[in-house]
Protein backbone atom coordinates (compact mmCIF):
# COMPACT_ATOMS: atom_id res chain seq x y z
CA MET A 1 -135.82 103.81 -85.23
CA SER A 2 -132.06 104.10 -85.81
CA LEU A 3 -129.75 105.02 -88.58
CA LYS A 4 -128.76 102.40 -91.19
CA VAL A 5 -125.93 103.06 -93.62
CA TYR A 6 -125.92 100.82 -96.70
CA PHE A 7 -122.34 100.43 -97.98
CA LEU A 8 -122.61 99.55 -101.74
CA ARG A 9 -119.42 98.63 -103.60
CA HIS A 10 -119.66 99.74 -107.35
CA GLY A 11 -120.37 97.37 -110.07
CA GLU A 12 -117.94 95.47 -112.12
CA THR A 13 -115.45 97.83 -114.15
CA THR A 14 -113.27 97.61 -117.19
CA TYR A 15 -110.26 96.58 -114.99
CA SER A 16 -111.83 93.05 -114.30
CA GLU A 17 -110.30 91.48 -117.19
CA THR A 18 -106.69 93.03 -116.71
CA GLY A 19 -106.76 92.72 -112.84
CA ALA A 20 -104.33 95.95 -112.72
CA TYR A 21 -104.38 98.28 -109.92
CA CYS A 22 -107.22 100.86 -110.27
CA GLY A 23 -107.73 103.44 -107.37
CA GLU A 24 -107.53 107.06 -108.59
CA LEU A 25 -107.99 105.89 -112.24
CA ASP A 26 -111.51 106.79 -113.44
CA ALA A 27 -112.62 103.46 -114.65
CA GLU A 28 -115.94 102.86 -116.36
CA LEU A 29 -118.47 100.04 -115.65
CA THR A 30 -118.60 97.12 -117.90
CA PRO A 31 -122.03 96.27 -119.29
CA GLU A 32 -122.33 93.73 -116.59
CA GLY A 33 -121.51 96.26 -114.10
CA ALA A 34 -124.36 98.46 -115.32
CA GLU A 35 -126.72 95.51 -114.97
CA MET A 36 -125.66 95.27 -111.30
CA ALA A 37 -126.46 98.89 -110.80
CA GLN A 38 -129.83 98.42 -112.40
CA ALA A 39 -130.48 95.34 -110.44
CA PHE A 40 -129.62 97.12 -107.30
CA ALA A 41 -132.01 99.97 -108.18
CA ASP A 42 -134.86 97.54 -108.87
CA ALA A 43 -134.29 95.71 -105.56
CA TYR A 44 -133.79 98.67 -103.31
CA ARG A 45 -136.18 101.34 -104.87
CA THR A 46 -138.83 100.66 -102.17
CA THR A 47 -136.37 101.45 -99.51
CA PRO A 48 -137.06 105.08 -97.99
CA TRP A 49 -133.78 106.54 -98.55
CA ALA A 50 -132.76 109.76 -96.49
CA ALA A 51 -129.57 110.47 -98.56
CA VAL A 52 -127.11 109.08 -101.11
CA TYR A 53 -123.44 109.56 -100.76
CA VAL A 54 -120.97 108.52 -103.56
CA SER A 55 -117.26 108.75 -104.45
CA PRO A 56 -116.83 111.15 -107.33
CA LYS A 57 -115.73 108.48 -109.67
CA LYS A 58 -117.41 107.21 -112.85
CA ARG A 59 -117.90 103.82 -111.53
CA THR A 60 -119.50 104.83 -108.30
CA ILE A 61 -121.76 107.64 -109.81
CA ALA A 62 -122.82 105.08 -112.46
CA THR A 63 -123.67 102.53 -109.93
CA ALA A 64 -125.89 104.84 -107.91
CA LYS A 65 -127.39 106.69 -111.09
CA PRO A 66 -130.32 104.00 -111.78
CA LEU A 67 -131.63 104.35 -108.22
CA CYS A 68 -131.14 108.20 -107.94
CA ASP A 69 -132.83 108.61 -111.47
CA ALA A 70 -135.82 106.38 -110.44
CA LEU A 71 -136.49 108.10 -107.17
CA GLY A 72 -135.27 111.60 -107.85
CA LEU A 73 -132.54 111.41 -105.36
CA GLU A 74 -129.64 113.73 -105.27
CA MET A 75 -125.97 112.27 -105.14
CA GLN A 76 -123.88 113.94 -102.43
CA GLN A 77 -120.22 113.54 -103.76
CA ARG A 78 -117.46 113.08 -101.18
CA SER A 79 -113.79 112.61 -102.04
CA GLY A 80 -113.25 110.77 -98.87
CA LEU A 81 -115.07 107.78 -100.23
CA GLU A 82 -112.64 107.47 -103.08
CA GLU A 83 -110.68 104.17 -103.53
CA ILE A 84 -107.16 103.60 -102.21
CA HIS A 85 -104.72 105.61 -103.94
CA TYR A 86 -102.07 103.14 -105.47
CA GLY A 87 -99.50 105.87 -106.40
CA LYS A 88 -97.01 104.67 -108.88
CA TRP A 89 -98.75 101.22 -109.04
CA GLU A 90 -101.97 102.59 -110.82
CA ASP A 91 -102.79 100.73 -114.00
CA HIS A 92 -99.97 98.25 -113.48
CA SER A 93 -100.32 94.53 -113.00
CA VAL A 94 -99.24 92.62 -109.64
CA GLU A 95 -96.47 91.17 -111.68
CA TYR A 96 -95.04 94.56 -112.83
CA VAL A 97 -95.29 95.82 -109.24
CA LYS A 98 -93.44 92.86 -107.93
CA GLN A 99 -90.61 93.28 -110.39
CA ASN A 100 -90.38 97.05 -109.80
CA TYR A 101 -91.42 97.83 -106.38
CA TRP A 102 -90.68 94.55 -104.63
CA ASP A 103 -89.90 95.87 -101.16
CA ASP A 104 -92.71 98.30 -100.94
CA TYR A 105 -95.06 95.54 -102.28
CA VAL A 106 -93.94 93.03 -99.48
CA HIS A 107 -94.20 95.67 -96.72
CA TRP A 108 -97.73 96.61 -98.05
CA LEU A 109 -98.85 93.02 -97.97
CA ALA A 110 -97.44 92.41 -94.55
CA GLU A 111 -98.80 95.68 -92.93
CA PRO A 112 -100.92 97.82 -95.20
CA ALA A 113 -102.28 99.87 -92.09
CA TRP A 114 -98.93 101.67 -91.94
CA ASN A 115 -97.10 100.65 -95.26
CA ALA A 116 -98.50 102.28 -98.41
CA PRO A 117 -98.28 101.30 -102.13
CA THR A 118 -95.15 103.46 -103.70
CA GLY A 119 -96.53 106.97 -103.47
CA GLY A 120 -99.99 105.73 -102.30
CA GLU A 121 -101.95 105.64 -99.23
CA THR A 122 -102.02 103.43 -96.12
CA SER A 123 -105.24 101.94 -94.44
CA VAL A 124 -105.02 104.42 -91.61
CA GLU A 125 -105.16 107.38 -94.15
CA ILE A 126 -107.96 105.73 -95.87
CA ALA A 127 -109.84 105.11 -92.66
CA THR A 128 -109.34 108.81 -91.55
CA ARG A 129 -110.70 110.41 -94.69
CA ALA A 130 -113.67 107.85 -95.08
CA ALA A 131 -114.54 108.09 -91.40
CA GLN A 132 -115.25 111.84 -91.75
CA VAL A 133 -117.92 111.03 -94.21
CA VAL A 134 -119.56 108.70 -91.94
CA THR A 135 -119.25 111.09 -89.07
CA GLU A 136 -120.93 113.69 -91.18
CA ILE A 137 -123.87 111.18 -91.97
CA ARG A 138 -124.34 110.39 -88.37
CA GLU A 139 -124.46 114.05 -87.53
CA LYS A 140 -127.06 114.89 -90.18
CA TYR A 141 -129.28 111.71 -89.92
CA ALA A 142 -130.03 110.30 -86.45
CA ILE A 143 -132.63 107.87 -88.17
CA GLY A 144 -133.36 106.55 -91.50
CA ASN A 145 -131.45 104.78 -94.36
CA VAL A 146 -128.47 106.34 -96.12
CA LEU A 147 -126.56 104.67 -99.13
CA VAL A 148 -122.82 105.03 -99.47
CA VAL A 149 -121.42 103.90 -102.83
CA SER A 150 -117.64 103.53 -102.62
CA HIS A 151 -115.05 101.04 -103.52
CA LYS A 152 -113.59 97.70 -102.60
CA ALA A 153 -110.61 98.69 -100.24
CA THR A 154 -112.27 101.77 -98.74
CA ILE A 155 -115.52 99.83 -97.63
CA ARG A 156 -113.40 97.02 -96.25
CA VAL A 157 -111.13 99.45 -94.27
CA LEU A 158 -114.26 101.47 -93.13
CA LEU A 159 -116.02 98.28 -91.85
CA CYS A 160 -112.96 97.30 -89.92
CA SER A 161 -112.77 100.76 -88.52
CA LEU A 162 -116.27 100.67 -87.44
CA LEU A 163 -116.23 97.05 -86.09
CA GLY A 164 -112.83 97.28 -84.18
CA ILE A 165 -110.94 95.23 -86.59
CA ASP A 166 -107.24 95.70 -87.12
CA LEU A 167 -106.97 97.99 -90.24
CA GLY A 168 -103.92 95.98 -91.27
CA ARG A 169 -106.16 92.97 -91.77
CA TYR A 170 -108.94 94.44 -94.02
CA ARG A 171 -107.99 91.96 -97.00
CA ASP A 172 -107.76 89.04 -94.67
CA ARG A 173 -110.97 89.47 -92.77
CA ILE A 174 -113.44 90.90 -95.16
CA GLU A 175 -114.35 90.02 -98.73
CA MET A 176 -116.35 92.52 -100.95
CA MET A 177 -117.16 91.59 -104.49
CA ALA A 178 -118.51 93.87 -107.07
CA GLY A 179 -121.91 95.13 -106.11
CA GLY A 180 -121.96 93.83 -102.73
CA VAL A 181 -124.12 95.57 -100.11
CA SER A 182 -123.19 95.77 -96.40
CA VAL A 183 -125.48 97.18 -93.71
CA VAL A 184 -124.37 98.80 -90.50
CA LYS A 185 -127.05 99.91 -88.02
CA PHE A 186 -125.98 102.60 -85.61
CA ASP A 187 -127.80 102.71 -82.26
CA LEU A 188 -127.00 103.08 -78.42
CA HIS A 189 -124.50 100.24 -78.50
CA GLY A 190 -122.51 101.55 -81.61
CA PRO A 191 -122.20 100.13 -84.99
CA LEU A 192 -123.84 96.70 -85.65
CA LEU A 193 -123.10 94.72 -88.94
CA GLN A 194 -126.30 93.33 -90.21
CA GLU A 195 -125.22 92.37 -93.69
CA LEU A 196 -121.90 91.74 -95.42
CA GLY A 197 -121.39 91.78 -99.00
CA ASN A 198 -125.08 90.93 -99.86
CA ARG A 199 -125.40 90.14 -103.62
CA ALA A 200 -128.67 88.18 -103.39
CA TYR A 201 -130.50 90.87 -105.44
CA MET A 202 -128.44 89.87 -108.52
CA SER A 203 -129.19 87.31 -110.96
CA GLU A 204 -127.29 84.05 -110.73
CA THR A 205 -125.18 84.99 -113.89
CA LEU A 206 -124.18 88.38 -112.47
CA ARG A 207 -123.36 86.74 -108.93
CA ALA A 208 -120.88 84.47 -110.85
CA ARG A 209 -118.80 87.58 -111.70
CA THR A 210 -116.59 88.68 -108.72
CA GLY A 211 -115.51 91.88 -110.54
CA THR A 212 -112.90 94.58 -109.73
């Protein structure tokens, strides 16, 4: 056997309608986001889980809760799994950011690995803190299944880091819709991506919602 890490992006949040930047903000799940969480629990409750790691945000905790409640699993909260910190862009629309932080916005779009949102984080910084959690998991669990519930940018950056993809291209190379599950197996040859953004466990109605 080997270690498999399931990276689950949280369900749809209250920022889906506004589309404003939400990283450090503690957004709630929408009713549809809660349905995504329950659908995940229903589909994956027969998986023998060794551990569950979550970002300490309401939206990630609420996404993991149905599964953890059903199986009596403990959530291990890690700040390294939090979403990108958008700094002064938090809670603002793209148009607002363009009007008020144009230079930073353009630089961030061109090379987010080394350019951060105003007062926020670079992809390199996200990868550094999130990778520490993955390292912890790999040291504790040589075999088994571990669930990691995190966020859109963080999971994409982590996958790029694990697969040797340029961290500055995480938005260009990997899509990650709300509730998407990506599975990485760790064996003698290193990380192997087995699934990317799988949402087949959801109803067709939920899959139609891309979510933020």
